[in-house]
PDB file of N, CA and C in Angstrom:
ATOM      1  N   UNK A   1       9.115 -16.389  10.417  1.00  0.00           N
ATOM      2  CA  UNK A   1       8.455 -15.319  11.140  1.00  0.00           C
ATOM      3  C   UNK A   1       6.946 -15.508  10.960  1.00  0.00           C
ATOM      4  N   UNK A   2       6.243 -15.485  12.038  1.00  0.00           N
ATOM      5  CA  UNK A   2       4.794 -15.690  11.972  1.00  0.00           C
ATOM      6  C   UNK A   2       4.105 -14.420  11.474  1.00  0.00           C
ATOM      7  N   UNK A   3       2.862 -14.597  11.073  1.00  0.00           N
ATOM      8  CA  UNK A   3       2.076 -13.487  10.538  1.00  0.00           C
ATOM      9  C   UNK A   3       1.924 -12.368  11.564  1.00  0.00           C
ATOM     10  N   UNK A   4       1.684 -12.729  12.836  1.00  0.00           N
ATOM     11  CA  UNK A   4       1.491 -11.703  13.874  1.00  0.00           C
ATOM     12  C   UNK A   4       2.752 -10.879  14.092  1.00  0.00           C
ATOM     13  N   UNK A   5       3.905 -11.549  14.107  1.00  0.00           N
ATOM     14  CA  UNK A   5       5.157 -10.815  14.294  1.00  0.00           C
ATOM     15  C   UNK A   5       5.421  -9.895  13.108  1.00  0.00           C
ATOM     16  N   UNK A   6       5.160 -10.404  11.907  1.00  0.00           N
ATOM     17  CA  UNK A   6       5.382  -9.602  10.713  1.00  0.00           C
ATOM     18  C   UNK A   6       4.444  -8.394  10.682  1.00  0.00           C
ATOM     19  N   UNK A   7       3.198  -8.593  11.060  1.00  0.00           N
ATOM     20  CA  UNK A   7       2.234  -7.490  11.079  1.00  0.00           C
ATOM     21  C   UNK A   7       2.638  -6.432  12.110  1.00  0.00           C
ATOM     22  N   UNK A   8       3.057  -6.867  13.278  1.00  0.00           N
ATOM     23  CA  UNK A   8       3.479  -5.915  14.320  1.00  0.00           C
ATOM     24  C   UNK A   8       4.727  -5.155  13.893  1.00  0.00           C
ATOM     25  N   UNK A   9       5.692  -5.865  13.305  1.00  0.00           N
ATOM     26  CA  UNK A   9       6.914  -5.218  12.844  1.00  0.00           C
ATOM     27  C   UNK A   9       6.608  -4.214  11.728  1.00  0.00           C
ATOM     28  N   UNK A  10       5.729  -4.575  10.818  1.00  0.00           N
ATOM     29  CA  UNK A  10       5.357  -3.677   9.723  1.00  0.00           C
ATOM     30  C   UNK A  10       4.646  -2.439  10.249  1.00  0.00           C
ATOM     31  N   UNK A  11       3.716  -2.630  11.159  1.00  0.00           N
ATOM     32  CA  UNK A  11       2.985  -1.498  11.729  1.00  0.00           C
ATOM     33  C   UNK A  11       3.943  -0.558  12.463  1.00  0.00           C
ATOM     34  N   UNK A  12       4.847  -1.114  13.252  1.00  0.00           N
ATOM     35  CA  UNK A  12       5.807  -0.300  13.990  1.00  0.00           C
ATOM     36  C   UNK A  12       6.718   0.458  13.024  1.00  0.00           C
ATOM     37  N   UNK A  13       7.147  -0.193  11.942  1.00  0.00           N
ATOM     38  CA  UNK A  13       8.013   0.467  10.960  1.00  0.00           C
ATOM     39  C   UNK A  13       7.302   1.630  10.297  1.00  0.00           C
ATOM     40  N   UNK A  14       6.036   1.449   9.978  1.00  0.00           N
ATOM     41  CA  UNK A  14       5.269   2.524   9.351  1.00  0.00           C
ATOM     42  C   UNK A  14       5.166   3.716  10.295  1.00  0.00           C
ATOM     43  N   UNK A  15       4.889   3.454  11.555  1.00  0.00           N
ATOM     44  CA  UNK A  15       4.760   4.541  12.529  1.00  0.00           C
ATOM     45  C   UNK A  15       6.084   5.281  12.694  1.00  0.00           C
ATOM     46  N   UNK A  16       7.177   4.540  12.811  1.00  0.00           N
ATOM     47  CA  UNK A  16       8.482   5.165  13.025  1.00  0.00           C
ATOM     48  C   UNK A  16       8.906   5.973  11.805  1.00  0.00           C
ATOM     49  N   UNK A  17       8.797   5.388  10.616  1.00  0.00           N
ATOM     50  CA  UNK A  17       9.227   6.100   9.418  1.00  0.00           C
ATOM     51  C   UNK A  17       8.291   7.237   9.055  1.00  0.00           C
ATOM     52  N   UNK A  18       7.050   7.145   9.444  1.00  0.00           N
ATOM     53  CA  UNK A  18       6.112   8.226   9.206  1.00  0.00           C
ATOM     54  C   UNK A  18       6.526   9.466   9.995  1.00  0.00           C
ATOM     55  N   UNK A  19       7.129   9.273  11.146  1.00  0.00           N
ATOM     56  CA  UNK A  19       7.591  10.389  11.955  1.00  0.00           C
ATOM     57  C   UNK A  19       8.831  11.062  11.406  1.00  0.00           C
ATOM     58  N   UNK A  20       9.488  10.449  10.433  1.00  0.00           N
ATOM     59  CA  UNK A  20      10.702  11.025   9.860  1.00  0.00           C
ATOM     60  C   UNK A  20      10.421  12.243   8.998  1.00  0.00           C
ATOM     61  N   UNK A  21       9.201  12.463   8.623  1.00  0.00           N
ATOM     62  CA  UNK A  21       8.856  13.629   7.822  1.00  0.00           C
ATOM     63  C   UNK A  21       7.955  14.533   8.650  1.00  0.00           C
ATOM     64  N   UNK A  22       8.465  15.005   9.771  1.00  0.00           N
ATOM     65  CA  UNK A  22       7.687  15.809  10.698  1.00  0.00           C
ATOM     66  C   UNK A  22       7.374  17.182  10.162  1.00  0.00           C
ATOM     67  N   UNK A  23       6.306  17.776  10.681  1.00  0.00           N
ATOM     68  CA  UNK A  23       5.849  19.077  10.196  1.00  0.00           C
ATOM     69  C   UNK A  23       6.742  20.214  10.659  1.00  0.00           C
ATOM     70  N   UNK A  24       7.674  19.958  11.576  1.00  0.00           N
ATOM     71  CA  UNK A  24       8.539  21.037  12.022  1.00  0.00           C
ATOM     72  C   UNK A  24       9.558  21.429  10.955  1.00  0.00           C
ATOM     73  N   UNK A  25       9.822  20.575   9.987  1.00  0.00           N
ATOM     74  CA  UNK A  25      10.781  20.886   8.924  1.00  0.00           C
ATOM     75  C   UNK A  25      10.073  21.568   7.762  1.00  0.00           C
ATOM     76  N   UNK A  26       9.047  20.948   7.262  1.00  0.00           N
ATOM     77  CA  UNK A  26       8.285  21.496   6.142  1.00  0.00           C
ATOM     78  C   UNK A  26       6.805  21.378   6.472  1.00  0.00           C
ATOM     79  N   UNK A  27       6.102  22.488   6.528  1.00  0.00           N
ATOM     80  CA  UNK A  27       4.706  22.432   6.971  1.00  0.00           C
ATOM     81  C   UNK A  27       3.784  21.659   6.035  1.00  0.00           C
ATOM     82  N   UNK A  28       4.023  21.702   4.741  1.00  0.00           N
ATOM     83  CA  UNK A  28       3.170  20.987   3.789  1.00  0.00           C
ATOM     84  C   UNK A  28       3.942  19.794   3.236  1.00  0.00           C
ATOM     85  N   UNK A  29       3.946  18.702   3.970  1.00  0.00           N
ATOM     86  CA  UNK A  29       4.724  17.547   3.539  1.00  0.00           C
ATOM     87  C   UNK A  29       3.886  16.280   3.490  1.00  0.00           C
ATOM     88  N   UNK A  30       2.607  16.393   3.241  1.00  0.00           N
ATOM     89  CA  UNK A  30       1.767  15.209   3.155  1.00  0.00           C
ATOM     90  C   UNK A  30       2.167  14.348   1.966  1.00  0.00           C
ATOM     91  N   UNK A  31       2.755  14.944   0.938  1.00  0.00           N
ATOM     92  CA  UNK A  31       3.221  14.175  -0.216  1.00  0.00           C
ATOM     93  C   UNK A  31       4.314  13.207   0.202  1.00  0.00           C
ATOM     94  N   UNK A  32       5.281  13.681   0.970  1.00  0.00           N
ATOM     95  CA  UNK A  32       6.376  12.828   1.442  1.00  0.00           C
ATOM     96  C   UNK A  32       5.859  11.757   2.383  1.00  0.00           C
ATOM     97  N   UNK A  33       5.028  12.158   3.314  1.00  0.00           N
ATOM     98  CA  UNK A  33       4.483  11.200   4.271  1.00  0.00           C
ATOM     99  C   UNK A  33       3.649  10.145   3.566  1.00  0.00           C
ATOM    100  N   UNK A  34       2.841  10.549   2.613  1.00  0.00           N
ATOM    101  CA  UNK A  34       2.022   9.602   1.860  1.00  0.00           C
ATOM    102  C   UNK A  34       2.861   8.632   1.057  1.00  0.00           C
ATOM    103  N   UNK A  35       3.941   9.119   0.460  1.00  0.00           N
ATOM    104  CA  UNK A  35       4.802   8.249  -0.338  1.00  0.00           C
ATOM    105  C   UNK A  35       5.491   7.195   0.534  1.00  0.00           C
ATOM    106  N   UNK A  36       6.005   7.616   1.683  1.00  0.00           N
ATOM    107  CA  UNK A  36       6.684   6.667   2.577  1.00  0.00           C
ATOM    108  C   UNK A  36       5.694   5.651   3.135  1.00  0.00           C
ATOM    109  N   UNK A  37       4.577   6.126   3.615  1.00  0.00           N
ATOM    110  CA  UNK A  37       3.572   5.224   4.182  1.00  0.00           C
ATOM    111  C   UNK A  37       3.016   4.287   3.111  1.00  0.00           C
ATOM    112  N   UNK A  38       2.759   4.807   1.935  1.00  0.00           N
ATOM    113  CA  UNK A  38       2.251   3.981   0.846  1.00  0.00           C
ATOM    114  C   UNK A  38       3.247   2.921   0.406  1.00  0.00           C
ATOM    115  N   UNK A  39       4.521   3.286   0.353  1.00  0.00           N
ATOM    116  CA  UNK A  39       5.556   2.314  -0.033  1.00  0.00           C
ATOM    117  C   UNK A  39       5.654   1.186   0.978  1.00  0.00           C
ATOM    118  N   UNK A  40       5.630   1.537   2.251  1.00  0.00           N
ATOM    119  CA  UNK A  40       5.699   0.489   3.283  1.00  0.00           C
ATOM    120  C   UNK A  40       4.473  -0.411   3.254  1.00  0.00           C
ATOM    121  N   UNK A  41       3.312   0.200   3.178  1.00  0.00           N
ATOM    122  CA  UNK A  41       2.086  -0.602   3.155  1.00  0.00           C
ATOM    123  C   UNK A  41       2.014  -1.454   1.889  1.00  0.00           C
ATOM    124  N   UNK A  42       2.377  -0.878   0.753  1.00  0.00           N
ATOM    125  CA  UNK A  42       2.341  -1.624  -0.504  1.00  0.00           C
ATOM    126  C   UNK A  42       3.303  -2.787  -0.529  1.00  0.00           C
ATOM    127  N   UNK A  43       4.495  -2.598   0.042  1.00  0.00           N
ATOM    128  CA  UNK A  43       5.462  -3.700   0.058  1.00  0.00           C
ATOM    129  C   UNK A  43       5.002  -4.827   0.973  1.00  0.00           C
ATOM    130  N   UNK A  44       4.407  -4.484   2.100  1.00  0.00           N
ATOM    131  CA  UNK A  44       3.895  -5.517   3.005  1.00  0.00           C
ATOM    132  C   UNK A  44       2.744  -6.275   2.351  1.00  0.00           C
ATOM    133  N   UNK A  45       1.840  -5.554   1.728  1.00  0.00           N
ATOM    134  CA  UNK A  45       0.704  -6.204   1.071  1.00  0.00           C
ATOM    135  C   UNK A  45       1.195  -7.070  -0.090  1.00  0.00           C
ATOM    136  N   UNK A  46       2.125  -6.541  -0.898  1.00  0.00           N
ATOM    137  CA  UNK A  46       2.648  -7.311  -2.017  1.00  0.00           C
ATOM    138  C   UNK A  46       3.378  -8.560  -1.579  1.00  0.00           C
ATOM    139  N   UNK A  47       4.142  -8.455  -0.507  1.00  0.00           N
ATOM    140  CA  UNK A  47       4.890  -9.602  -0.001  1.00  0.00           C
ATOM    141  C   UNK A  47       3.958 -10.691   0.518  1.00  0.00           C
ATOM    142  N   UNK A  48       2.855 -10.301   1.104  1.00  0.00           N
ATOM    143  CA  UNK A  48       1.954 -11.268   1.735  1.00  0.00           C
ATOM    144  C   UNK A  48       0.885 -11.821   0.812  1.00  0.00           C
ATOM    145  N   UNK A  49       0.869 -11.439  -0.459  1.00  0.00           N
ATOM    146  CA  UNK A  49      -0.073 -12.041  -1.387  1.00  0.00           C
ATOM    147  C   UNK A  49       0.415 -13.434  -1.770  1.00  0.00           C
ATOM    148  N   UNK A  50      -0.518 -14.274  -2.190  1.00  0.00           N
ATOM    149  CA  UNK A  50      -0.169 -15.660  -2.499  1.00  0.00           C
ATOM    150  C   UNK A  50       0.553 -15.754  -3.830  1.00  0.00           C
ATOM    151  N   UNK A  51       1.423 -16.748  -3.932  1.00  0.00           N
ATOM    152  CA  UNK A  51       2.140 -16.997  -5.172  1.00  0.00           C
ATOM    153  C   UNK A  51       3.640 -16.997  -4.963  1.00  0.00           C
ATOM    154  N   UNK A  52       4.351 -17.110  -6.074  1.00  0.00           N
ATOM    155  CA  UNK A  52       5.818 -17.132  -6.034  1.00  0.00           C
ATOM    156  C   UNK A  52       6.364 -15.723  -6.219  1.00  0.00           C
ATOM    157  N   UNK A  53       7.679 -15.579  -6.098  1.00  0.00           N
ATOM    158  CA  UNK A  53       8.383 -14.312  -6.316  1.00  0.00           C
ATOM    159  C   UNK A  53       7.922 -13.230  -5.337  1.00  0.00           C
ATOM    160  N   UNK A  54       8.044 -13.519  -4.048  1.00  0.00           N
ATOM    161  CA  UNK A  54       7.593 -12.567  -3.028  1.00  0.00           C
ATOM    162  C   UNK A  54       8.333 -11.236  -3.111  1.00  0.00           C
ATOM    163  N   UNK A  55       9.626 -11.280  -3.398  1.00  0.00           N
ATOM    164  CA  UNK A  55      10.399 -10.044  -3.489  1.00  0.00           C
ATOM    165  C   UNK A  55       9.943  -9.158  -4.630  1.00  0.00           C
ATOM    166  N   UNK A  56       9.636  -9.766  -5.758  1.00  0.00           N
ATOM    167  CA  UNK A  56       9.162  -9.005  -6.915  1.00  0.00           C
ATOM    168  C   UNK A  56       7.811  -8.373  -6.614  1.00  0.00           C
ATOM    169  N   UNK A  57       6.918  -9.135  -5.980  1.00  0.00           N
ATOM    170  CA  UNK A  57       5.602  -8.590  -5.637  1.00  0.00           C
ATOM    171  C   UNK A  57       5.725  -7.480  -4.594  1.00  0.00           C
ATOM    172  N   UNK A  58       6.674  -7.623  -3.655  1.00  0.00           N
ATOM    173  CA  UNK A  58       6.880  -6.578  -2.648  1.00  0.00           C
ATOM    174  C   UNK A  58       7.385  -5.297  -3.308  1.00  0.00           C
ATOM    175  N   UNK A  59       8.288  -5.430  -4.274  1.00  0.00           N
ATOM    176  CA  UNK A  59       8.813  -4.248  -4.971  1.00  0.00           C
ATOM    177  C   UNK A  59       7.720  -3.562  -5.785  1.00  0.00           C
ATOM    178  N   UNK A  60       6.910  -4.339  -6.478  1.00  0.00           N
ATOM    179  CA  UNK A  60       5.807  -3.762  -7.258  1.00  0.00           C
ATOM    180  C   UNK A  60       4.814  -3.073  -6.331  1.00  0.00           C
ATOM    181  N   UNK A  61       4.502  -3.712  -5.209  1.00  0.00           N
ATOM    182  CA  UNK A  61       3.596  -3.106  -4.241  1.00  0.00           C
ATOM    183  C   UNK A  61       4.145  -1.820  -3.657  1.00  0.00           C
ATOM    184  N   UNK A  62       5.467  -1.782  -3.418  1.00  0.00           N
ATOM    185  CA  UNK A  62       6.089  -0.579  -2.872  1.00  0.00           C
ATOM    186  C   UNK A  62       5.995   0.582  -3.856  1.00  0.00           C
ATOM    187  N   UNK A  63       6.256   0.305  -5.119  1.00  0.00           N
ATOM    188  CA  UNK A  63       6.186   1.365  -6.129  1.00  0.00           C
ATOM    189  C   UNK A  63       4.747   1.861  -6.289  1.00  0.00           C
ATOM    190  N   UNK A  64       3.810   0.927  -6.371  1.00  0.00           N
ATOM    191  CA  UNK A  64       2.402   1.319  -6.519  1.00  0.00           C
ATOM    192  C   UNK A  64       1.910   2.078  -5.285  1.00  0.00           C
ATOM    193  N   UNK A  65       2.289   1.605  -4.110  1.00  0.00           N
ATOM    194  CA  UNK A  65       1.878   2.276  -2.878  1.00  0.00           C
ATOM    195  C   UNK A  65       2.483   3.661  -2.741  1.00  0.00           C
ATOM    196  N   UNK A  66       3.761   3.806  -3.120  1.00  0.00           N
ATOM    197  CA  UNK A  66       4.412   5.115  -3.040  1.00  0.00           C
ATOM    198  C   UNK A  66       3.749   6.108  -3.993  1.00  0.00           C
ATOM    199  N   UNK A  67       3.441   5.646  -5.198  1.00  0.00           N
ATOM    200  CA  UNK A  67       2.792   6.536  -6.169  1.00  0.00           C
ATOM    201  C   UNK A  67       1.401   6.954  -5.690  1.00  0.00           C
ATOM    202  N   UNK A  68       0.640   5.997  -5.189  1.00  0.00           N
ATOM    203  CA  UNK A  68      -0.702   6.301  -4.709  1.00  0.00           C
ATOM    204  C   UNK A  68      -0.654   7.222  -3.496  1.00  0.00           C
ATOM    205  N   UNK A  69       0.224   6.913  -2.547  1.00  0.00           N
ATOM    206  CA  UNK A  69       0.356   7.752  -1.356  1.00  0.00           C
ATOM    207  C   UNK A  69       0.812   9.152  -1.676  1.00  0.00           C
ATOM    208  N   UNK A  70       1.730   9.288  -2.637  1.00  0.00           N
ATOM    209  CA  UNK A  70       2.204  10.617  -3.026  1.00  0.00           C
ATOM    210  C   UNK A  70       1.103  11.418  -3.705  1.00  0.00           C
ATOM    211  N   UNK A  71       0.292  10.769  -4.532  1.00  0.00           N
ATOM    212  CA  UNK A  71      -0.822  11.474  -5.182  1.00  0.00           C
ATOM    213  C   UNK A  71      -1.844  11.970  -4.164  1.00  0.00           C
ATOM    214  N   UNK A  72      -2.178  11.122  -3.208  1.00  0.00           N
ATOM    215  CA  UNK A  72      -3.134  11.523  -2.178  1.00  0.00           C
ATOM    216  C   UNK A  72      -2.543  12.628  -1.309  1.00  0.00           C
ATOM    217  N   UNK A  73      -1.281  12.476  -0.922  1.00  0.00           N
ATOM    218  CA  UNK A  73      -0.625  13.502  -0.116  1.00  0.00           C
ATOM    219  C   UNK A  73      -0.510  14.832  -0.838  1.00  0.00           C
ATOM    220  N   UNK A  74      -0.236  14.780  -2.130  1.00  0.00           N
ATOM    221  CA  UNK A  74      -0.152  16.010  -2.920  1.00  0.00           C
ATOM    222  C   UNK A  74      -1.499  16.718  -2.962  1.00  0.00           C
ATOM    223  N   UNK A  75      -2.570  15.963  -3.092  1.00  0.00           N
ATOM    224  CA  UNK A  75      -3.909  16.564  -3.080  1.00  0.00           C
ATOM    225  C   UNK A  75      -4.186  17.225  -1.730  1.00  0.00           C
ATOM    226  N   UNK A  76      -3.741  16.600  -0.654  1.00  0.00           N
ATOM    227  CA  UNK A  76      -3.921  17.179   0.682  1.00  0.00           C
ATOM    228  C   UNK A  76      -3.088  18.454   0.820  1.00  0.00           C
ATOM    229  N   UNK A  77      -1.819  18.404   0.347  1.00  0.00           N
ATOM    230  CA  UNK A  77      -0.964  19.600   0.415  1.00  0.00           C
ATOM    231  C   UNK A  77      -1.571  20.768  -0.359  1.00  0.00           C
ATOM    232  N   UNK A  78      -2.144  20.481  -1.518  1.00  0.00           N
ATOM    233  CA  UNK A  78      -2.717  21.549  -2.341  1.00  0.00           C
ATOM    234  C   UNK A  78      -3.997  22.123  -1.752  1.00  0.00           C
ATOM    235  N   UNK A  79      -4.710  21.341  -0.942  1.00  0.00           N
ATOM    236  CA  UNK A  79      -5.959  21.838  -0.360  1.00  0.00           C
ATOM    237  C   UNK A  79      -5.761  22.483   1.012  1.00  0.00           C
ATOM    238  N   UNK A  80      -4.589  22.358   1.574  1.00  0.00           N
ATOM    239  CA  UNK A  80      -4.306  22.922   2.895  1.00  0.00           C
ATOM    240  C   UNK A  80      -3.654  24.296   2.727  1.00  0.00           C
ATOM    241  N   UNK A  81      -4.202  25.319   3.374  1.00  0.00           N
ATOM    242  CA  UNK A  81      -3.573  26.643   3.256  1.00  0.00           C
ATOM    243  C   UNK A  81      -2.233  26.664   3.984  1.00  0.00           C
ATOM    244  N   UNK A  82      -1.300  27.502   3.517  1.00  0.00           N
ATOM    245  CA  UNK A  82       0.000  27.567   4.184  1.00  0.00           C
ATOM    246  C   UNK A  82      -0.145  28.127   5.603  1.00  0.00           C
ATOM    247  N   UNK A  83       0.703  27.693   6.511  1.00  0.00           N
ATOM    248  CA  UNK A  83       0.599  28.182   7.897  1.00  0.00           C
ATOM    249  C   UNK A  83       1.028  29.644   8.002  1.00  0.00           C
ATOM    250  N   UNK A  84       0.452  30.325   8.974  1.00  0.00           N
ATOM    251  CA  UNK A  84       0.808  31.715   9.211  1.00  0.00           C
ATOM    252  C   UNK A  84       2.034  31.775  10.098  1.00  0.00           C
ATOM    253  N   UNK A  85       2.870  32.773   9.863  1.00  0.00           N
ATOM    254  CA  UNK A  85       4.060  32.964  10.678  1.00  0.00           C
ATOM    255  C   UNK A  85       3.652  33.686  11.961  1.00  0.00           C
ATOM    256  N   UNK A  86       3.736  32.999  13.083  1.00  0.00           N
ATOM    257  CA  UNK A  86       3.337  33.579  14.359  1.00  0.00           C
ATOM    258  C   UNK A  86       4.523  33.837  15.276  1.00  0.00           C
ATOM    259  N   UNK A  87       5.716  33.760  14.719  1.00  0.00           N
ATOM    260  CA  UNK A  87       6.908  33.962  15.565  1.00  0.00           C
ATOM    261  C   UNK A  87       7.404  35.401  15.467  1.00  0.00           C
ATOM    262  N   UNK A  88       7.953  35.892  16.540  1.00  0.00           N
ATOM    263  CA  UNK A  88       8.579  37.208  16.550  1.00  0.00           C
ATOM    264  C   UNK A  88       7.600  38.367  16.547  1.00  0.00           C
ATOM    265  N   UNK A  89       8.164  39.544  16.379  1.00  0.00           N
ATOM    266  CA  UNK A  89       7.367  40.766  16.362  1.00  0.00           C
ATOM    267  C   UNK A  89       6.819  41.022  14.986  1.00  0.00           C
ATOM    268  N   UNK A  90       5.588  41.509  14.960  1.00  0.00           N
ATOM    269  CA  UNK A  90       4.966  41.900  13.696  1.00  0.00           C
ATOM    270  C   UNK A  90       4.509  43.343  13.794  1.00  0.00           C
ATOM    271  N   UNK A  91       4.855  44.133  12.813  1.00  0.00           N
ATOM    272  CA  UNK A  91       4.463  45.548  12.849  1.00  0.00           C
ATOM    273  C   UNK A  91       3.376  45.824  11.872  1.00  0.00           C
TER     274      UNK A  91
END
């Protein structure tokens, strides 16, 4: 698989899986989105670094990326106020 195909496939996977944690289910879910996006990006970066043991580097990159993405997402969730309930009648 060439570099261009791998990059396109990785980018498409990140976009598709990022949509799996939509805001319609849980309004403050940047932690989940950050973890998934970070894991995908970290595994791609780890796999494409030079050297032997590509699978091991991809796994390490995925764990590091997931942790970093979750930390950043958690900070975003904590700084974002909860959404107001605008459905139905309010008295």
